[in-house]
N, C-alpha and C. Protein backbone atom coordinates (compact mmCIF):
# COMPACT_ATOMS: atom_id res chain seq x y z
N UNK A 1 -1.35 -109.96 -70.63
CA UNK A 1 -1.85 -109.49 -71.91
C UNK A 1 -1.86 -110.66 -72.87
N UNK A 2 -2.92 -110.79 -73.62
CA UNK A 2 -3.04 -111.90 -74.55
C UNK A 2 -2.09 -111.72 -75.74
N UNK A 3 -1.79 -112.84 -76.36
CA UNK A 3 -0.90 -112.81 -77.53
C UNK A 3 -1.51 -111.99 -78.66
N UNK A 4 -2.83 -112.14 -78.85
CA UNK A 4 -3.51 -111.42 -79.93
C UNK A 4 -3.41 -109.91 -79.72
N UNK A 5 -3.61 -109.48 -78.47
CA UNK A 5 -3.55 -108.06 -78.16
C UNK A 5 -2.12 -107.53 -78.34
N UNK A 6 -1.14 -108.30 -77.88
CA UNK A 6 0.26 -107.90 -78.03
C UNK A 6 0.60 -107.72 -79.51
N UNK A 7 0.18 -108.66 -80.33
CA UNK A 7 0.44 -108.57 -81.77
C UNK A 7 -0.25 -107.35 -82.37
N UNK A 8 -1.49 -107.09 -81.95
CA UNK A 8 -2.23 -105.94 -82.48
C UNK A 8 -1.53 -104.63 -82.10
N UNK A 9 -1.08 -104.51 -80.84
CA UNK A 9 -0.39 -103.29 -80.41
C UNK A 9 0.92 -103.11 -81.17
N UNK A 10 1.67 -104.18 -81.33
CA UNK A 10 2.92 -104.10 -82.08
C UNK A 10 2.67 -103.72 -83.53
N UNK A 11 1.66 -104.31 -84.14
CA UNK A 11 1.31 -103.96 -85.53
C UNK A 11 0.85 -102.51 -85.64
N UNK A 12 0.15 -102.01 -84.63
CA UNK A 12 -0.27 -100.61 -84.64
C UNK A 12 0.94 -99.69 -84.59
N UNK A 13 1.91 -100.00 -83.72
CA UNK A 13 3.13 -99.18 -83.64
C UNK A 13 3.86 -99.20 -84.98
N UNK A 14 4.03 -100.37 -85.56
CA UNK A 14 4.72 -100.48 -86.85
C UNK A 14 3.99 -99.68 -87.92
N UNK A 15 2.69 -99.79 -87.96
CA UNK A 15 1.88 -99.07 -88.95
C UNK A 15 2.05 -97.56 -88.80
N UNK A 16 2.00 -97.07 -87.56
CA UNK A 16 2.08 -95.62 -87.33
C UNK A 16 3.50 -95.08 -87.51
N UNK A 17 4.50 -95.92 -87.34
CA UNK A 17 5.88 -95.51 -87.61
C UNK A 17 6.18 -95.51 -89.10
N UNK A 18 5.58 -96.42 -89.83
CA UNK A 18 5.91 -96.60 -91.25
C UNK A 18 5.23 -95.58 -92.17
N UNK A 19 4.18 -94.94 -91.70
CA UNK A 19 3.44 -94.05 -92.59
C UNK A 19 4.13 -92.69 -92.73
N UNK A 20 4.03 -92.11 -93.91
CA UNK A 20 4.60 -90.78 -94.15
C UNK A 20 3.59 -89.68 -93.87
N UNK A 21 2.32 -90.04 -93.93
CA UNK A 21 1.28 -89.05 -93.62
C UNK A 21 0.33 -89.67 -92.61
N UNK A 22 -0.34 -88.84 -91.85
CA UNK A 22 -1.25 -89.37 -90.82
C UNK A 22 -2.32 -90.27 -91.42
N UNK A 23 -2.66 -91.33 -90.70
CA UNK A 23 -3.69 -92.27 -91.13
C UNK A 23 -4.96 -92.06 -90.33
N UNK A 24 -6.09 -92.12 -91.00
CA UNK A 24 -7.38 -92.03 -90.31
C UNK A 24 -7.62 -93.33 -89.55
N UNK A 25 -8.56 -93.29 -88.63
CA UNK A 25 -8.91 -94.50 -87.88
C UNK A 25 -9.35 -95.61 -88.84
N UNK A 26 -10.09 -95.26 -89.87
CA UNK A 26 -10.55 -96.27 -90.83
C UNK A 26 -9.38 -96.87 -91.61
N UNK A 27 -8.41 -96.06 -91.99
CA UNK A 27 -7.23 -96.58 -92.68
C UNK A 27 -6.44 -97.52 -91.77
N UNK A 28 -6.35 -97.16 -90.50
CA UNK A 28 -5.66 -98.01 -89.53
C UNK A 28 -6.43 -99.32 -89.36
N UNK A 29 -7.73 -99.23 -89.30
CA UNK A 29 -8.57 -100.43 -89.16
C UNK A 29 -8.32 -101.41 -90.29
N UNK A 30 -8.16 -100.90 -91.50
CA UNK A 30 -7.94 -101.75 -92.66
C UNK A 30 -6.51 -102.30 -92.70
N UNK A 31 -5.55 -101.55 -92.14
CA UNK A 31 -4.14 -101.92 -92.26
C UNK A 31 -3.64 -102.82 -91.13
N UNK A 32 -4.23 -102.72 -89.95
CA UNK A 32 -3.71 -103.42 -88.78
C UNK A 32 -4.53 -104.69 -88.52
N UNK A 33 -3.88 -105.85 -88.62
CA UNK A 33 -4.58 -107.10 -88.32
C UNK A 33 -5.10 -107.08 -86.88
N UNK A 34 -6.33 -107.55 -86.71
CA UNK A 34 -6.93 -107.57 -85.39
C UNK A 34 -8.05 -106.56 -85.25
N UNK A 35 -8.00 -105.51 -86.03
CA UNK A 35 -9.06 -104.50 -85.99
C UNK A 35 -10.17 -104.81 -87.00
N UNK A 36 -9.86 -105.60 -87.98
CA UNK A 36 -10.79 -105.81 -89.10
C UNK A 36 -11.93 -106.77 -88.80
N UNK A 37 -11.91 -107.46 -87.68
CA UNK A 37 -12.94 -108.47 -87.45
C UNK A 37 -14.07 -108.02 -86.53
N UNK A 38 -14.04 -106.79 -86.05
CA UNK A 38 -15.07 -106.29 -85.14
C UNK A 38 -15.95 -105.24 -85.81
N UNK A 39 -17.11 -104.99 -85.21
CA UNK A 39 -18.01 -103.95 -85.70
C UNK A 39 -17.44 -102.57 -85.41
N UNK A 40 -18.10 -101.54 -85.94
CA UNK A 40 -17.61 -100.17 -85.81
C UNK A 40 -17.42 -99.73 -84.37
N UNK A 41 -18.43 -99.96 -83.54
CA UNK A 41 -18.36 -99.52 -82.15
C UNK A 41 -17.28 -100.27 -81.38
N UNK A 42 -17.18 -101.57 -81.59
CA UNK A 42 -16.15 -102.37 -80.92
C UNK A 42 -14.76 -101.92 -81.37
N UNK A 43 -14.61 -101.64 -82.66
CA UNK A 43 -13.32 -101.15 -83.15
C UNK A 43 -12.95 -99.84 -82.48
N UNK A 44 -13.88 -98.90 -82.40
CA UNK A 44 -13.58 -97.59 -81.79
C UNK A 44 -13.14 -97.75 -80.34
N UNK A 45 -13.83 -98.59 -79.57
CA UNK A 45 -13.44 -98.81 -78.17
C UNK A 45 -12.05 -99.44 -78.08
N UNK A 46 -11.79 -100.45 -78.91
CA UNK A 46 -10.51 -101.13 -78.90
C UNK A 46 -9.38 -100.19 -79.31
N UNK A 47 -9.62 -99.40 -80.34
CA UNK A 47 -8.61 -98.45 -80.82
C UNK A 47 -8.29 -97.41 -79.75
N UNK A 48 -9.30 -96.89 -79.07
CA UNK A 48 -9.07 -95.92 -78.00
C UNK A 48 -8.28 -96.54 -76.86
N UNK A 49 -8.63 -97.76 -76.47
CA UNK A 49 -7.88 -98.45 -75.41
C UNK A 49 -6.43 -98.67 -75.83
N UNK A 50 -6.23 -99.10 -77.07
CA UNK A 50 -4.87 -99.37 -77.55
C UNK A 50 -4.03 -98.09 -77.57
N UNK A 51 -4.60 -96.99 -78.05
CA UNK A 51 -3.86 -95.72 -78.06
C UNK A 51 -3.48 -95.32 -76.64
N UNK A 52 -4.41 -95.45 -75.71
CA UNK A 52 -4.12 -95.09 -74.32
C UNK A 52 -3.03 -95.97 -73.72
N UNK A 53 -3.08 -97.27 -73.99
CA UNK A 53 -2.06 -98.18 -73.47
C UNK A 53 -0.68 -97.84 -74.03
N UNK A 54 -0.61 -97.55 -75.32
CA UNK A 54 0.68 -97.21 -75.91
C UNK A 54 1.22 -95.90 -75.33
N UNK A 55 0.36 -94.93 -75.13
CA UNK A 55 0.80 -93.66 -74.54
C UNK A 55 1.28 -93.87 -73.11
N UNK A 56 0.60 -94.74 -72.36
CA UNK A 56 0.99 -95.01 -70.98
C UNK A 56 2.39 -95.59 -70.88
N UNK A 57 2.83 -96.33 -71.89
CA UNK A 57 4.18 -96.90 -71.85
C UNK A 57 5.19 -96.02 -72.59
N UNK A 58 4.77 -94.81 -72.93
CA UNK A 58 5.71 -93.83 -73.47
C UNK A 58 5.80 -93.74 -74.98
N UNK A 59 4.89 -94.34 -75.70
CA UNK A 59 4.92 -94.26 -77.16
C UNK A 59 4.08 -93.05 -77.58
N UNK A 60 4.73 -92.07 -78.21
CA UNK A 60 4.05 -90.81 -78.53
C UNK A 60 3.22 -90.87 -79.81
N UNK A 61 1.94 -91.08 -79.66
CA UNK A 61 1.04 -91.10 -80.82
C UNK A 61 0.53 -89.69 -81.05
N UNK A 62 0.83 -89.15 -82.21
CA UNK A 62 0.38 -87.80 -82.56
C UNK A 62 -0.98 -87.87 -83.23
N UNK A 63 -1.83 -86.92 -82.88
CA UNK A 63 -3.12 -86.75 -83.55
C UNK A 63 -3.00 -85.48 -84.38
N UNK A 64 -3.16 -85.62 -85.69
CA UNK A 64 -2.89 -84.53 -86.62
C UNK A 64 -4.10 -84.30 -87.51
N UNK A 65 -4.37 -83.06 -87.80
CA UNK A 65 -5.42 -82.72 -88.77
C UNK A 65 -4.81 -82.75 -90.16
N UNK A 66 -5.33 -83.61 -91.00
CA UNK A 66 -4.90 -83.70 -92.39
C UNK A 66 -5.83 -82.81 -93.20
N UNK A 67 -5.29 -81.84 -93.95
CA UNK A 67 -6.16 -80.93 -94.70
C UNK A 67 -7.01 -81.62 -95.77
N UNK A 68 -6.65 -82.84 -96.16
CA UNK A 68 -7.39 -83.55 -97.19
C UNK A 68 -8.38 -84.56 -96.62
N UNK A 69 -8.45 -84.67 -95.31
CA UNK A 69 -9.35 -85.63 -94.67
C UNK A 69 -10.29 -84.91 -93.71
N UNK A 70 -11.46 -85.49 -93.48
CA UNK A 70 -12.42 -84.92 -92.54
C UNK A 70 -12.13 -85.30 -91.10
N UNK A 71 -11.55 -86.47 -90.90
CA UNK A 71 -11.28 -86.92 -89.54
C UNK A 71 -9.79 -86.80 -89.21
N UNK A 72 -9.46 -86.82 -87.92
CA UNK A 72 -8.05 -86.69 -87.54
C UNK A 72 -7.23 -87.88 -88.02
N UNK A 73 -5.94 -87.64 -88.16
CA UNK A 73 -5.01 -88.69 -88.55
C UNK A 73 -4.05 -88.99 -87.42
N UNK A 74 -3.48 -90.17 -87.44
CA UNK A 74 -2.59 -90.63 -86.38
C UNK A 74 -1.26 -91.05 -86.98
N UNK A 75 -0.19 -90.81 -86.22
CA UNK A 75 1.14 -91.26 -86.63
C UNK A 75 2.06 -91.21 -85.42
N UNK A 76 3.21 -91.84 -85.57
CA UNK A 76 4.28 -91.75 -84.59
C UNK A 76 5.48 -91.17 -85.32
N UNK A 77 5.93 -90.00 -84.91
CA UNK A 77 7.10 -89.41 -85.54
C UNK A 77 8.35 -90.15 -85.08
N UNK A 78 9.13 -90.60 -86.03
CA UNK A 78 10.32 -91.39 -85.70
C UNK A 78 11.26 -90.67 -84.74
N UNK A 79 11.51 -89.39 -84.97
CA UNK A 79 12.48 -88.69 -84.13
C UNK A 79 12.01 -88.55 -82.69
N UNK A 80 10.72 -88.63 -82.44
CA UNK A 80 10.23 -88.54 -81.06
C UNK A 80 10.15 -89.92 -80.40
N UNK A 81 10.38 -90.98 -81.16
CA UNK A 81 10.26 -92.33 -80.62
C UNK A 81 11.58 -93.10 -80.62
N UNK A 82 12.39 -92.90 -81.65
CA UNK A 82 13.63 -93.65 -81.75
C UNK A 82 14.67 -93.16 -80.75
N UNK A 83 15.56 -94.05 -80.37
CA UNK A 83 16.65 -93.67 -79.49
C UNK A 83 17.66 -92.84 -80.25
N UNK A 84 18.33 -91.91 -79.58
CA UNK A 84 19.36 -91.14 -80.27
C UNK A 84 20.55 -92.04 -80.60
N UNK A 85 21.34 -91.59 -81.57
CA UNK A 85 22.53 -92.35 -81.94
C UNK A 85 23.48 -92.41 -80.75
N UNK A 86 24.03 -93.58 -80.52
CA UNK A 86 24.95 -93.76 -79.40
C UNK A 86 26.37 -93.75 -79.94
N UNK A 87 27.20 -92.90 -79.37
CA UNK A 87 28.61 -92.87 -79.76
C UNK A 87 29.44 -93.31 -78.56
N UNK A 88 30.31 -94.26 -78.80
CA UNK A 88 31.15 -94.80 -77.74
C UNK A 88 32.60 -94.48 -78.02
N UNK A 89 33.34 -94.27 -76.95
CA UNK A 89 34.79 -94.14 -77.06
C UNK A 89 35.36 -95.52 -77.39
N UNK A 90 36.59 -95.57 -77.89
CA UNK A 90 37.19 -96.84 -78.30
C UNK A 90 37.23 -97.84 -77.15
N UNK A 91 37.57 -97.38 -75.95
CA UNK A 91 37.64 -98.31 -74.81
C UNK A 91 36.25 -98.77 -74.37
N UNK A 92 35.24 -97.96 -74.58
CA UNK A 92 33.87 -98.34 -74.23
C UNK A 92 33.32 -99.37 -75.22
N UNK A 93 33.73 -99.26 -76.47
CA UNK A 93 33.23 -100.15 -77.51
C UNK A 93 33.87 -101.54 -77.44
N UNK A 94 35.01 -101.64 -76.78
CA UNK A 94 35.74 -102.92 -76.71
C UNK A 94 35.11 -103.90 -75.76
């Protein structure tokens, strides 16, 4: 995987984790470096491939209908992605 693609995927994950409300594809395009330099059709293909790749490695991207937007929104819910809190016994922590 190229460095540029790796950075774009990581930036997409960060963007979708950081948002409080679902983002449209166009909002993601404007926010994530790497998506802004291609035409509409190229962006759509790249975005679809990126979503599929992230899902394949276990990153749960939710597609949500936002009542204030015409198109679907995307986000990653923290509780479905973050690891649970780890509690160790005193001897395990040593």
